[in-house]
Amino acid sequence: MAKKSKKKLFEALDQFFGTDVYSKDGLNAQGIGDETYGKESFIYVDSKGKRSELESFLRVNDFQINPRYGKGGDYVEVAVSYFKGYHWNQ
């Protein structure tokens, strides 16, 4: 399965949370983090206490999530298509 773009992820987050903040603010939106390791890019999303619902929503919409990331925490790790994110040059 091909990874979706961060733009598509932000559109999906807007839909899930009933807002337009993620599409407007992108990586600068509150509760968003990012990391890029080589050619692997990830977005970290604060689920605001709805982790299992957000993970299910993203899975149904064909996003690649890591359910083992931060067990018991609110953040969801989502693999996205490559972009020059934090640590991209390391």
N, C-alpha and C. Protein backbone atom coordinates (compact mmCIF):
# COMPACT_ATOMS: atom_id res chain seq x y z
N MET A 1 0.85 -1.17 0.00
CA MET A 1 0.00 0.00 0.00
C MET A 1 0.90 1.24 0.00
N ALA A 2 0.65 2.15 -0.91
CA ALA A 2 1.42 3.39 -0.99
C ALA A 2 1.03 4.32 0.15
N LYS A 3 2.03 5.03 0.63
CA LYS A 3 1.77 6.00 1.70
C LYS A 3 1.08 7.23 1.11
N LYS A 4 0.18 7.79 1.88
CA LYS A 4 -0.52 9.00 1.45
C LYS A 4 0.29 10.23 1.88
N SER A 5 0.00 11.35 1.27
CA SER A 5 0.72 12.58 1.56
C SER A 5 0.27 13.20 2.88
N LYS A 6 1.10 14.08 3.42
CA LYS A 6 0.71 14.81 4.62
C LYS A 6 -0.48 15.70 4.35
N LYS A 7 -0.62 16.20 3.14
CA LYS A 7 -1.78 17.02 2.79
C LYS A 7 -3.07 16.20 2.93
N LYS A 8 -3.05 14.97 2.42
CA LYS A 8 -4.23 14.09 2.55
C LYS A 8 -4.51 13.77 4.02
N LEU A 9 -3.44 13.58 4.80
CA LEU A 9 -3.61 13.31 6.22
C LEU A 9 -4.28 14.50 6.90
N PHE A 10 -3.82 15.71 6.61
CA PHE A 10 -4.41 16.89 7.24
C PHE A 10 -5.88 17.05 6.86
N GLU A 11 -6.23 16.72 5.62
CA GLU A 11 -7.64 16.76 5.21
C GLU A 11 -8.46 15.75 6.02
N ALA A 12 -7.89 14.56 6.21
CA ALA A 12 -8.58 13.53 7.00
C ALA A 12 -8.73 13.95 8.46
N LEU A 13 -7.71 14.58 9.01
CA LEU A 13 -7.78 15.05 10.39
C LEU A 13 -8.85 16.13 10.54
N ASP A 14 -8.94 17.01 9.56
CA ASP A 14 -10.01 18.02 9.57
C ASP A 14 -11.37 17.35 9.64
N GLN A 15 -11.53 16.32 8.83
CA GLN A 15 -12.82 15.60 8.80
C GLN A 15 -13.08 14.94 10.15
N PHE A 16 -12.09 14.26 10.69
CA PHE A 16 -12.27 13.53 11.95
C PHE A 16 -12.60 14.48 13.10
N PHE A 17 -11.88 15.60 13.19
CA PHE A 17 -12.06 16.52 14.31
C PHE A 17 -13.08 17.62 14.04
N GLY A 18 -13.64 17.66 12.81
CA GLY A 18 -14.65 18.65 12.48
C GLY A 18 -14.11 20.07 12.50
N THR A 19 -12.99 20.28 11.82
CA THR A 19 -12.32 21.57 11.80
C THR A 19 -11.66 21.79 10.44
N ASP A 20 -11.00 22.93 10.26
CA ASP A 20 -10.18 23.14 9.07
C ASP A 20 -8.76 23.55 9.45
N VAL A 21 -8.46 23.44 10.75
CA VAL A 21 -7.18 23.88 11.28
C VAL A 21 -5.99 23.12 10.70
N TYR A 22 -6.13 21.82 10.50
CA TYR A 22 -5.00 21.03 10.02
C TYR A 22 -4.65 21.36 8.58
N SER A 23 -5.64 21.54 7.73
CA SER A 23 -5.38 21.92 6.34
C SER A 23 -4.79 23.32 6.26
N LYS A 24 -5.27 24.21 7.12
CA LYS A 24 -4.78 25.59 7.11
C LYS A 24 -3.38 25.71 7.69
N ASP A 25 -3.14 25.08 8.83
CA ASP A 25 -1.87 25.26 9.54
C ASP A 25 -0.84 24.18 9.27
N GLY A 26 -1.26 23.05 8.74
CA GLY A 26 -0.32 21.98 8.40
C GLY A 26 0.56 21.58 9.57
N LEU A 27 1.87 21.55 9.32
CA LEU A 27 2.82 21.14 10.35
C LEU A 27 2.85 22.09 11.55
N ASN A 28 2.33 23.29 11.37
CA ASN A 28 2.30 24.26 12.47
C ASN A 28 1.05 24.15 13.35
N ALA A 29 0.15 23.24 13.01
CA ALA A 29 -1.06 23.05 13.81
C ALA A 29 -0.68 22.51 15.19
N GLN A 30 -1.39 22.96 16.20
CA GLN A 30 -1.15 22.48 17.55
C GLN A 30 -1.40 20.98 17.61
N GLY A 31 -0.49 20.25 18.26
CA GLY A 31 -0.65 18.80 18.42
C GLY A 31 -0.09 17.99 17.27
N ILE A 32 0.68 18.64 16.37
CA ILE A 32 1.28 17.94 15.23
C ILE A 32 2.80 17.97 15.38
N GLY A 33 3.42 16.83 15.16
CA GLY A 33 4.87 16.72 15.12
C GLY A 33 5.26 15.96 13.88
N ASP A 34 6.53 16.04 13.51
CA ASP A 34 6.99 15.29 12.33
C ASP A 34 8.43 14.87 12.49
N GLU A 35 8.79 13.80 11.82
CA GLU A 35 10.16 13.29 11.77
C GLU A 35 10.36 12.65 10.41
N THR A 36 11.56 12.82 9.88
CA THR A 36 11.95 12.13 8.66
C THR A 36 13.28 11.45 8.92
N TYR A 37 13.34 10.16 8.66
CA TYR A 37 14.55 9.36 8.83
C TYR A 37 14.90 8.77 7.48
N GLY A 38 15.94 9.28 6.83
CA GLY A 38 16.26 8.81 5.49
C GLY A 38 15.10 9.13 4.56
N LYS A 39 14.49 8.10 4.01
CA LYS A 39 13.35 8.29 3.10
C LYS A 39 12.01 7.94 3.75
N GLU A 40 12.00 7.84 5.06
CA GLU A 40 10.78 7.52 5.81
C GLU A 40 10.31 8.76 6.55
N SER A 41 9.08 9.19 6.32
CA SER A 41 8.52 10.37 6.98
C SER A 41 7.30 9.99 7.80
N PHE A 42 7.18 10.64 8.95
CA PHE A 42 6.09 10.36 9.88
C PHE A 42 5.50 11.65 10.41
N ILE A 43 4.19 11.63 10.64
CA ILE A 43 3.49 12.72 11.31
C ILE A 43 2.96 12.13 12.62
N TYR A 44 3.11 12.90 13.69
CA TYR A 44 2.62 12.50 15.01
C TYR A 44 1.45 13.41 15.36
N VAL A 45 0.31 12.79 15.67
CA VAL A 45 -0.93 13.52 15.87
C VAL A 45 -1.44 13.30 17.29
N ASP A 46 -1.71 14.41 17.99
CA ASP A 46 -2.34 14.32 19.31
C ASP A 46 -3.81 13.96 19.07
N SER A 47 -4.21 12.80 19.55
CA SER A 47 -5.57 12.30 19.31
C SER A 47 -6.60 12.93 20.25
N LYS A 48 -6.15 13.75 21.16
CA LYS A 48 -7.05 14.44 22.11
C LYS A 48 -7.93 13.45 22.87
N GLY A 49 -7.31 12.35 23.29
CA GLY A 49 -8.04 11.36 24.08
C GLY A 49 -8.88 10.40 23.27
N LYS A 50 -8.78 10.45 21.95
CA LYS A 50 -9.58 9.58 21.07
C LYS A 50 -8.68 8.68 20.21
N ARG A 51 -7.64 8.17 20.82
CA ARG A 51 -6.64 7.43 20.05
C ARG A 51 -7.22 6.26 19.27
N SER A 52 -7.96 5.40 19.92
CA SER A 52 -8.46 4.20 19.22
C SER A 52 -9.41 4.59 18.09
N GLU A 53 -10.25 5.60 18.31
CA GLU A 53 -11.17 6.05 17.25
C GLU A 53 -10.39 6.66 16.08
N LEU A 54 -9.37 7.47 16.40
CA LEU A 54 -8.57 8.09 15.33
C LEU A 54 -7.81 7.04 14.55
N GLU A 55 -7.20 6.08 15.24
CA GLU A 55 -6.47 5.02 14.55
C GLU A 55 -7.40 4.24 13.63
N SER A 56 -8.58 3.90 14.10
CA SER A 56 -9.55 3.17 13.27
C SER A 56 -9.96 4.00 12.06
N PHE A 57 -10.25 5.27 12.27
CA PHE A 57 -10.63 6.17 11.18
C PHE A 57 -9.53 6.25 10.13
N LEU A 58 -8.30 6.41 10.57
CA LEU A 58 -7.18 6.51 9.63
C LEU A 58 -6.95 5.19 8.89
N ARG A 59 -7.06 4.08 9.60
CA ARG A 59 -6.89 2.76 8.97
C ARG A 59 -7.94 2.54 7.87
N VAL A 60 -9.20 2.87 8.16
CA VAL A 60 -10.29 2.72 7.20
C VAL A 60 -10.03 3.60 5.96
N ASN A 61 -9.35 4.72 6.17
CA ASN A 61 -9.05 5.64 5.07
C ASN A 61 -7.66 5.39 4.47
N ASP A 62 -7.13 4.19 4.68
CA ASP A 62 -5.90 3.70 4.05
C ASP A 62 -4.63 4.44 4.43
N PHE A 63 -4.57 4.96 5.67
CA PHE A 63 -3.32 5.53 6.17
C PHE A 63 -2.58 4.44 6.93
N GLN A 64 -1.26 4.51 6.89
CA GLN A 64 -0.44 3.54 7.60
C GLN A 64 -0.11 4.08 8.99
N ILE A 65 -0.67 3.46 10.00
CA ILE A 65 -0.42 3.89 11.37
C ILE A 65 0.40 2.83 12.10
N ASN A 66 1.05 3.24 13.17
CA ASN A 66 1.84 2.33 13.98
C ASN A 66 1.15 2.20 15.34
N PRO A 67 0.36 1.15 15.55
CA PRO A 67 -0.38 1.01 16.81
C PRO A 67 0.53 0.77 18.01
N ARG A 68 1.79 0.40 17.79
CA ARG A 68 2.72 0.15 18.88
C ARG A 68 3.40 1.43 19.37
N TYR A 69 3.26 2.53 18.61
CA TYR A 69 3.92 3.78 19.00
C TYR A 69 3.29 4.36 20.27
N GLY A 70 4.11 4.67 21.24
CA GLY A 70 3.65 5.35 22.45
C GLY A 70 2.48 4.70 23.14
N LYS A 71 2.54 3.40 23.32
CA LYS A 71 1.44 2.67 23.96
C LYS A 71 0.94 3.41 25.20
N GLY A 72 -0.36 3.60 25.28
CA GLY A 72 -0.98 4.26 26.41
C GLY A 72 -1.00 5.78 26.31
N GLY A 73 -0.37 6.32 25.28
CA GLY A 73 -0.35 7.77 25.12
C GLY A 73 -1.41 8.24 24.13
N ASP A 74 -1.47 9.54 23.95
CA ASP A 74 -2.47 10.12 23.06
C ASP A 74 -1.99 10.32 21.62
N TYR A 75 -0.68 10.20 21.38
CA TYR A 75 -0.17 10.48 20.03
C TYR A 75 -0.24 9.25 19.13
N VAL A 76 -0.60 9.50 17.88
CA VAL A 76 -0.68 8.47 16.84
C VAL A 76 0.42 8.75 15.83
N GLU A 77 1.19 7.72 15.49
CA GLU A 77 2.24 7.84 14.47
C GLU A 77 1.67 7.40 13.12
N VAL A 78 1.76 8.29 12.13
CA VAL A 78 1.24 8.00 10.80
C VAL A 78 2.37 8.13 9.79
N ALA A 79 2.62 7.07 9.03
CA ALA A 79 3.62 7.12 7.95
C ALA A 79 3.00 7.85 6.77
N VAL A 80 3.75 8.79 6.22
CA VAL A 80 3.28 9.56 5.06
C VAL A 80 4.35 9.51 3.98
N SER A 81 3.99 9.94 2.77
CA SER A 81 4.96 9.97 1.70
C SER A 81 6.08 10.95 2.07
N TYR A 82 7.25 10.72 1.53
CA TYR A 82 8.45 11.46 1.89
C TYR A 82 8.29 12.97 1.72
N PHE A 83 8.77 13.71 2.69
CA PHE A 83 8.94 15.15 2.59
C PHE A 83 10.12 15.52 3.48
N LYS A 84 10.68 16.68 3.27
CA LYS A 84 11.85 17.10 4.05
C LYS A 84 11.41 17.60 5.42
N GLY A 85 11.10 16.64 6.28
CA GLY A 85 10.65 16.95 7.63
C GLY A 85 11.82 17.07 8.58
N TYR A 86 11.50 17.22 9.86
CA TYR A 86 12.49 17.32 10.90
C TYR A 86 13.43 16.12 10.84
N HIS A 87 14.73 16.37 10.87
CA HIS A 87 15.80 15.37 10.76
C HIS A 87 16.00 14.84 9.34
N TRP A 88 15.41 15.46 8.31
CA TRP A 88 15.51 14.91 6.95
C TRP A 88 16.94 14.76 6.47
N ASN A 89 17.88 15.57 6.96
CA ASN A 89 19.24 15.53 6.45
C ASN A 89 20.19 14.77 7.37
N GLN A 90 19.66 13.97 8.27
CA GLN A 90 20.54 13.22 9.18
C GLN A 90 20.52 11.75 8.88
